[in-house]
Every structure is written in C-alpha cells, then in structure tokens.
Amino acid sequence: MQVPEPNRSEQLHGDLNRLADEVARLNNHRFIKVQNSLYRLVAFQFIRGLAFGLGTVVGASALVSVIVLLLSQVAFVPILGDLASQIIEEIQPPEAETTR
C-alpha cells in the first residue's frame, strides 16, 4: 500500500472542498428548490401545462387560418377550390351568411 504524497493529499482535499462548494451552490438553485417541494412542483407543472396548451391552441389556430386563406386563393384547382369554399362557409358566423 502506497502512502500518498503530501502534495497529492492537499490537492485531493482542495478538489473535495471545491466539489462540496459546487454541490451546495447547486442545491441552492431555484430549480432544485422547486423540485424539493411537492406543492411547488405541482404548481409549476400546472402552470407549464396551461402555457403549453394555450400555445398549442393559438399556434394551431394561426396555422389553420393561413392554410384556409391560401386554399381559398387557389380557385383554378376545382377540388381544392370547392373544399376551401366549403370550409370558409362553415367557419363564417351565421350573421355573415344572411348578408349575402
């Protein structure tokens, strides 16, 4: 069994102290504090889910609106033009149909 050199032992001690400081710093991080409390974790995940759902609905609505707008401009292809017209008629509110 080898006896560690004094210089190597001091280096290991310093490395261990730096590692302990880093672990303490990470434990004080906001993300870790949220994960340590069940109530905070549930609240965080709930808010995250609401934001994800809202973003999904807004993004899908914008995408469908753009696609329908583009399809309504394509009148030279009979199938797509008729389909876009039907979609537009279904989407329009009832009072817009009575003004025709």
N, C-alpha and C. Protein backbone atom coordinates (compact mmCIF):
# COMPACT_ATOMS: atom_id res chain seq x y z
N MET A 1 0.84 -1.17 0.00
CA MET A 1 0.00 0.00 0.00
C MET A 1 0.88 1.23 0.00
N GLN A 2 0.58 2.13 -0.90
CA GLN A 2 1.40 3.34 -1.02
C GLN A 2 0.85 4.43 -0.11
N VAL A 3 1.77 5.17 0.44
CA VAL A 3 1.39 6.32 1.24
C VAL A 3 1.28 7.51 0.30
N PRO A 4 0.14 8.22 0.30
CA PRO A 4 0.00 9.34 -0.62
C PRO A 4 0.98 10.46 -0.28
N GLU A 5 1.43 11.09 -1.31
CA GLU A 5 2.34 12.22 -1.13
C GLU A 5 1.58 13.38 -0.48
N PRO A 6 2.25 14.18 0.31
CA PRO A 6 1.58 15.32 0.96
C PRO A 6 0.97 16.28 -0.07
N ASN A 7 1.65 16.53 -1.18
CA ASN A 7 1.16 17.44 -2.20
C ASN A 7 -0.12 16.88 -2.84
N ARG A 8 -0.13 15.61 -3.11
CA ARG A 8 -1.29 14.95 -3.73
C ARG A 8 -2.47 14.96 -2.77
N SER A 9 -2.22 14.75 -1.50
CA SER A 9 -3.27 14.76 -0.48
C SER A 9 -3.89 16.15 -0.36
N GLU A 10 -3.07 17.19 -0.39
CA GLU A 10 -3.59 18.55 -0.33
C GLU A 10 -4.42 18.87 -1.57
N GLN A 11 -3.98 18.36 -2.72
CA GLN A 11 -4.70 18.59 -3.96
C GLN A 11 -6.07 17.90 -3.91
N LEU A 12 -6.11 16.66 -3.40
CA LEU A 12 -7.38 15.96 -3.27
C LEU A 12 -8.30 16.66 -2.28
N HIS A 13 -7.75 17.17 -1.20
CA HIS A 13 -8.53 17.88 -0.22
C HIS A 13 -9.13 19.16 -0.83
N GLY A 14 -8.34 19.86 -1.59
CA GLY A 14 -8.83 21.08 -2.28
C GLY A 14 -9.92 20.75 -3.29
N ASP A 15 -9.71 19.67 -4.05
CA ASP A 15 -10.73 19.24 -5.02
C ASP A 15 -12.04 18.87 -4.33
N LEU A 16 -11.92 18.19 -3.19
CA LEU A 16 -13.10 17.80 -2.44
C LEU A 16 -13.84 19.02 -1.89
N ASN A 17 -13.11 20.01 -1.44
CA ASN A 17 -13.74 21.25 -0.95
C ASN A 17 -14.45 21.99 -2.08
N ARG A 18 -13.83 22.05 -3.25
CA ARG A 18 -14.46 22.71 -4.39
C ARG A 18 -15.72 21.96 -4.82
N LEU A 19 -15.64 20.64 -4.78
CA LEU A 19 -16.81 19.82 -5.14
C LEU A 19 -17.95 20.05 -4.13
N ALA A 20 -17.62 20.13 -2.86
CA ALA A 20 -18.65 20.38 -1.84
C ALA A 20 -19.27 21.76 -2.03
N ASP A 21 -18.45 22.76 -2.37
CA ASP A 21 -18.98 24.10 -2.62
C ASP A 21 -19.92 24.10 -3.84
N GLU A 22 -19.55 23.38 -4.87
CA GLU A 22 -20.38 23.31 -6.08
C GLU A 22 -21.71 22.61 -5.81
N VAL A 23 -21.68 21.54 -5.03
CA VAL A 23 -22.91 20.83 -4.69
C VAL A 23 -23.81 21.73 -3.84
N ALA A 24 -23.22 22.48 -2.91
CA ALA A 24 -24.01 23.41 -2.09
C ALA A 24 -24.63 24.50 -2.97
N ARG A 25 -23.88 24.99 -3.94
CA ARG A 25 -24.39 26.02 -4.85
C ARG A 25 -25.54 25.47 -5.69
N LEU A 26 -25.41 24.25 -6.17
CA LEU A 26 -26.47 23.63 -6.97
C LEU A 26 -27.72 23.37 -6.13
N ASN A 27 -27.55 22.98 -4.87
CA ASN A 27 -28.70 22.74 -4.00
C ASN A 27 -29.47 24.02 -3.71
N ASN A 28 -28.83 25.16 -3.79
CA ASN A 28 -29.49 26.44 -3.56
C ASN A 28 -30.10 27.00 -4.84
N HIS A 29 -29.96 26.31 -5.94
CA HIS A 29 -30.52 26.77 -7.22
C HIS A 29 -32.04 26.70 -7.18
N ARG A 30 -32.70 27.64 -7.86
CA ARG A 30 -34.16 27.74 -7.86
C ARG A 30 -34.82 26.46 -8.37
N PHE A 31 -34.27 25.85 -9.41
CA PHE A 31 -34.86 24.64 -9.98
C PHE A 31 -34.88 23.50 -8.97
N ILE A 32 -33.81 23.36 -8.23
CA ILE A 32 -33.73 22.30 -7.22
C ILE A 32 -34.71 22.59 -6.08
N LYS A 33 -34.85 23.86 -5.70
CA LYS A 33 -35.80 24.20 -4.63
C LYS A 33 -37.23 23.87 -5.06
N VAL A 34 -37.56 24.10 -6.33
CA VAL A 34 -38.90 23.77 -6.83
C VAL A 34 -39.10 22.26 -6.77
N GLN A 35 -38.09 21.49 -7.15
CA GLN A 35 -38.20 20.04 -7.19
C GLN A 35 -38.28 19.43 -5.79
N ASN A 36 -37.80 20.12 -4.78
CA ASN A 36 -37.80 19.58 -3.42
C ASN A 36 -39.15 19.72 -2.73
N SER A 37 -40.05 20.54 -3.25
CA SER A 37 -41.35 20.74 -2.63
C SER A 37 -42.43 20.19 -3.57
N LEU A 38 -43.25 19.28 -3.07
CA LEU A 38 -44.29 18.68 -3.90
C LEU A 38 -45.29 19.73 -4.36
N TYR A 39 -45.70 20.63 -3.47
CA TYR A 39 -46.69 21.65 -3.83
C TYR A 39 -46.14 22.60 -4.89
N ARG A 40 -44.90 23.03 -4.73
CA ARG A 40 -44.30 23.91 -5.74
C ARG A 40 -44.12 23.20 -7.06
N LEU A 41 -43.77 21.93 -7.00
CA LEU A 41 -43.60 21.15 -8.23
C LEU A 41 -44.92 21.00 -8.97
N VAL A 42 -46.00 20.70 -8.24
CA VAL A 42 -47.32 20.56 -8.86
C VAL A 42 -47.77 21.89 -9.45
N ALA A 43 -47.58 22.98 -8.71
CA ALA A 43 -47.97 24.30 -9.21
C ALA A 43 -47.17 24.67 -10.46
N PHE A 44 -45.87 24.40 -10.44
CA PHE A 44 -45.02 24.70 -11.59
C PHE A 44 -45.45 23.89 -12.82
N GLN A 45 -45.72 22.61 -12.64
CA GLN A 45 -46.13 21.76 -13.76
C GLN A 45 -47.52 22.16 -14.27
N PHE A 46 -48.41 22.60 -13.38
CA PHE A 46 -49.74 23.05 -13.79
C PHE A 46 -49.63 24.30 -14.66
N ILE A 47 -48.86 25.27 -14.22
CA ILE A 47 -48.67 26.50 -15.00
C ILE A 47 -47.99 26.18 -16.32
N ARG A 48 -47.03 25.29 -16.30
CA ARG A 48 -46.35 24.88 -17.53
C ARG A 48 -47.33 24.24 -18.50
N GLY A 49 -48.24 23.40 -17.99
CA GLY A 49 -49.24 22.76 -18.83
C GLY A 49 -50.22 23.76 -19.42
N LEU A 50 -50.62 24.75 -18.62
CA LEU A 50 -51.50 25.80 -19.14
C LEU A 50 -50.84 26.57 -20.27
N ALA A 51 -49.59 26.93 -20.08
CA ALA A 51 -48.87 27.67 -21.12
C ALA A 51 -48.70 26.83 -22.37
N PHE A 52 -48.41 25.55 -22.20
CA PHE A 52 -48.26 24.66 -23.35
C PHE A 52 -49.58 24.52 -24.10
N GLY A 53 -50.68 24.34 -23.38
CA GLY A 53 -51.99 24.21 -24.02
C GLY A 53 -52.40 25.46 -24.76
N LEU A 54 -52.18 26.62 -24.14
CA LEU A 54 -52.52 27.88 -24.78
C LEU A 54 -51.68 28.10 -26.04
N GLY A 55 -50.41 27.81 -25.96
CA GLY A 55 -49.54 27.95 -27.13
C GLY A 55 -49.94 27.02 -28.25
N THR A 56 -50.34 25.81 -27.90
CA THR A 56 -50.76 24.85 -28.91
C THR A 56 -52.03 25.32 -29.61
N VAL A 57 -53.00 25.81 -28.86
CA VAL A 57 -54.26 26.27 -29.45
C VAL A 57 -54.04 27.49 -30.33
N VAL A 58 -53.28 28.46 -29.85
CA VAL A 58 -53.02 29.67 -30.64
C VAL A 58 -52.24 29.32 -31.90
N GLY A 59 -51.23 28.48 -31.78
CA GLY A 59 -50.44 28.10 -32.95
C GLY A 59 -51.25 27.34 -33.97
N ALA A 60 -52.08 26.39 -33.52
CA ALA A 60 -52.90 25.62 -34.44
C ALA A 60 -53.93 26.52 -35.12
N SER A 61 -54.51 27.45 -34.38
CA SER A 61 -55.49 28.37 -34.98
C SER A 61 -54.84 29.23 -36.06
N ALA A 62 -53.67 29.75 -35.77
CA ALA A 62 -52.98 30.57 -36.77
C ALA A 62 -52.62 29.75 -38.00
N LEU A 63 -52.15 28.53 -37.80
CA LEU A 63 -51.77 27.68 -38.92
C LEU A 63 -52.97 27.32 -39.78
N VAL A 64 -54.07 26.94 -39.16
CA VAL A 64 -55.27 26.59 -39.92
C VAL A 64 -55.80 27.81 -40.66
N SER A 65 -55.76 28.98 -40.05
CA SER A 65 -56.22 30.20 -40.72
C SER A 65 -55.40 30.49 -41.97
N VAL A 66 -54.09 30.37 -41.85
CA VAL A 66 -53.23 30.62 -43.00
C VAL A 66 -53.47 29.59 -44.10
N ILE A 67 -53.63 28.34 -43.73
CA ILE A 67 -53.86 27.29 -44.74
C ILE A 67 -55.19 27.51 -45.45
N VAL A 68 -56.24 27.84 -44.70
CA VAL A 68 -57.54 28.09 -45.32
C VAL A 68 -57.48 29.31 -46.22
N LEU A 69 -56.79 30.35 -45.79
CA LEU A 69 -56.64 31.55 -46.61
C LEU A 69 -55.92 31.22 -47.92
N LEU A 70 -54.85 30.45 -47.81
CA LEU A 70 -54.12 30.07 -49.02
C LEU A 70 -54.97 29.18 -49.93
N LEU A 71 -55.71 28.25 -49.34
CA LEU A 71 -56.55 27.37 -50.16
C LEU A 71 -57.69 28.13 -50.83
N SER A 72 -58.19 29.16 -50.17
CA SER A 72 -59.28 29.92 -50.78
C SER A 72 -58.80 30.72 -51.98
N GLN A 73 -57.52 30.99 -52.05
CA GLN A 73 -56.96 31.71 -53.19
C GLN A 73 -56.73 30.80 -54.38
N VAL A 74 -56.74 29.50 -54.16
CA VAL A 74 -56.49 28.53 -55.22
C VAL A 74 -57.84 28.14 -55.80
N ALA A 75 -58.29 28.87 -56.82
CA ALA A 75 -59.59 28.59 -57.43
C ALA A 75 -59.44 27.79 -58.71
N PHE A 76 -58.23 27.72 -59.24
CA PHE A 76 -58.05 27.04 -60.52
C PHE A 76 -57.99 25.53 -60.37
N VAL A 77 -57.80 25.02 -59.18
CA VAL A 77 -57.87 23.58 -58.95
C VAL A 77 -59.26 23.31 -58.38
N PRO A 78 -60.14 22.66 -59.13
CA PRO A 78 -61.54 22.55 -58.72
C PRO A 78 -61.74 21.89 -57.36
N ILE A 79 -61.04 20.82 -57.08
CA ILE A 79 -61.25 20.10 -55.83
C ILE A 79 -60.83 20.97 -54.64
N LEU A 80 -59.66 21.58 -54.72
CA LEU A 80 -59.18 22.41 -53.62
C LEU A 80 -60.02 23.66 -53.47
N GLY A 81 -60.41 24.27 -54.58
CA GLY A 81 -61.22 25.49 -54.51
C GLY A 81 -62.57 25.22 -53.87
N ASP A 82 -63.22 24.14 -54.25
CA ASP A 82 -64.52 23.78 -53.66
C ASP A 82 -64.37 23.45 -52.18
N LEU A 83 -63.33 22.71 -51.86
CA LEU A 83 -63.10 22.34 -50.46
C LEU A 83 -62.85 23.58 -49.61
N ALA A 84 -62.04 24.50 -50.13
CA ALA A 84 -61.76 25.74 -49.38
C ALA A 84 -63.03 26.56 -49.23
N SER A 85 -63.86 26.62 -50.26
CA SER A 85 -65.12 27.37 -50.17
C SER A 85 -66.04 26.77 -49.11
N GLN A 86 -66.10 25.45 -49.07
CA GLN A 86 -66.93 24.79 -48.06
C GLN A 86 -66.42 25.07 -46.66
N ILE A 87 -65.10 25.04 -46.49
CA ILE A 87 -64.50 25.31 -45.18
C ILE A 87 -64.80 26.74 -44.75
N ILE A 88 -64.66 27.68 -45.67
CA ILE A 88 -64.92 29.08 -45.36
C ILE A 88 -66.38 29.28 -44.98
N GLU A 89 -67.30 28.63 -45.71
CA GLU A 89 -68.72 28.74 -45.38
C GLU A 89 -69.02 28.18 -44.00
N GLU A 90 -68.35 27.10 -43.62
CA GLU A 90 -68.57 26.50 -42.30
C GLU A 90 -68.00 27.38 -41.19
N ILE A 91 -66.92 28.06 -41.45
CA ILE A 91 -66.25 28.86 -40.42
C ILE A 91 -66.96 30.19 -40.19
N GLN A 92 -67.53 30.77 -41.22
CA GLN A 92 -68.15 32.09 -41.09
C GLN A 92 -69.31 32.07 -40.10
N PRO A 93 -69.46 33.15 -39.33
CA PRO A 93 -70.57 33.21 -38.38
C PRO A 93 -71.91 33.34 -39.10
N PRO A 94 -73.02 32.99 -38.43
CA PRO A 94 -74.35 32.99 -39.07
C PRO A 94 -74.75 34.36 -39.63
N GLU A 95 -74.43 35.48 -38.95
CA GLU A 95 -74.87 36.77 -39.45
C GLU A 95 -74.17 37.15 -40.76
N ALA A 96 -73.00 36.60 -41.02
CA ALA A 96 -72.31 36.88 -42.28
C ALA A 96 -73.02 36.18 -43.43
N GLU A 97 -73.68 35.06 -43.17
CA GLU A 97 -74.37 34.33 -44.22
C GLU A 97 -75.66 35.03 -44.63
N THR A 98 -76.32 35.74 -43.72
CA THR A 98 -77.59 36.40 -44.04
C THR A 98 -77.39 37.66 -44.85
N THR A 99 -76.18 38.24 -44.87
CA THR A 99 -75.92 39.46 -45.62
C THR A 99 -75.69 39.18 -47.09
N ARG A 100 -75.62 37.94 -47.50
CA ARG A 100 -75.34 37.60 -48.89
C ARG A 100 -76.52 37.80 -49.75
